[in-house]
Amino acid sequence: MSPCFSFQKIDHFCQALLIASGVPETEAKIVASILVDTSLEGIDTHGISRLPVYLKCLLSGRINPAPSIQNTINGAVASVDGDNGLGQLVAYRAMEIAIELSQKYGIGFVTVRNSNHFGAASTYCKMAAEEQMIGQVFTNSPSGIPPWGGKAPYFGTNPIAYGFPNGNQPVVIDMSSSTVARGNIILAAKEERDIPEGWAIDKEGKPTTNAKAALEGAVLPIGGAKGYALALAVEVFSGIISGSAYGSHVGWINDDAVEPANIGHSFLTIDISRFMPIEEFTQRMKDMIREIKETPKADGISEIRIPGERRQIIAEKRRRDGIPISDGLLSELNKFAKKFKISML
């Protein structure tokens, strides 16, 4: 069983590692809090498990530890240049701009270029929901999905995420346009586990349950041709319109290349109060959720859950009991701590 650590201790540890890697203290706090919040919700593939590769890229110069993030605002839209900074930091700043635009215009749309992997898209949707706004977040990613009918990857797993205010429990939808997020396969390969059938194909285009073979091949789109179409749409929203890399041109920070990944994102926010009082919207949301949960259940189903509800349950448990860290990840993180001469976990 993996050892567990309090989220506060992990947060301080992540901050220390980032600061030792050249990230300014204020920015390190933002990035660490996002990584820990993601792991708190049980999204282990996109939380602190990603920190070792970020640290490696910061130390090698592939990611800029102290970027000068620039933005150009034109009415209710803005374009952001992340200066090759950590994706979590760049995305956080971009969502802040989108929220400010919505406060002024009722709607805000922000595109981002020259960024990196930003973790879980749900993080930034929650930022919008906390401001009583609807949030939509798209990002492209390194090639992982083949176009429908192809056997070589072209599109990333390109997630689609939405956040809707609902009192103190926002409804958050976050899903990749692939059958599974590539991070699940990366983690399975690290832990030398097989993956389920139907997740991926190998480099020859044949179905595989071997995680390493899947990483050399491609992840399958969700819903067949429909998932491929969604991945294409996300690519336009995050890669094409932002001026970032797109498709097979997006870099992958897990390899030994030195060029920036140049990942693109987009953030859309909508001020609900421009349509109706937020109290009315919240009541309508609660009424819909109640009706969904009262729907007759299929055999063997004890509860109908709302998107994001399972993550909230996991977060409550992990705040109480701690966040589990696998032995392999703990070893990786402590190697960096030893290198930087800071206290290990």
Foldseek 3Di string as FASTA:
>chain_A
DFDFDALVVQLVLQLVLLVLLPADNVLSNQLSVVLSLCLLLVVPLQHLLCSLLVSVLSNLVLAPRYADKDWDDDQQEIEIERRRHEQQSNLQVQLVSQLVSCVVPQKHKYKYWNYADNGFQQVSQVVQLVVQKKKKKKWWAAFAECQFPDWATWTAQIKIKIWHHAPPQIFIDIGTQFPHHLSVLVVCQVVQHFADWQFAAFCVSHTGRGSVRRVNIHTYGPPGNVSSVVSVVSQCSWPVVNVFHGINQADDSVDDDRHHRTMMMMMMIGNCVVPPPSVVVNVVVVVVVVVVFPPDDDPPDDTDDGHPPSSVVSSVVCNVVGRGDHPVSLVSSVVSCVVSVHDGD
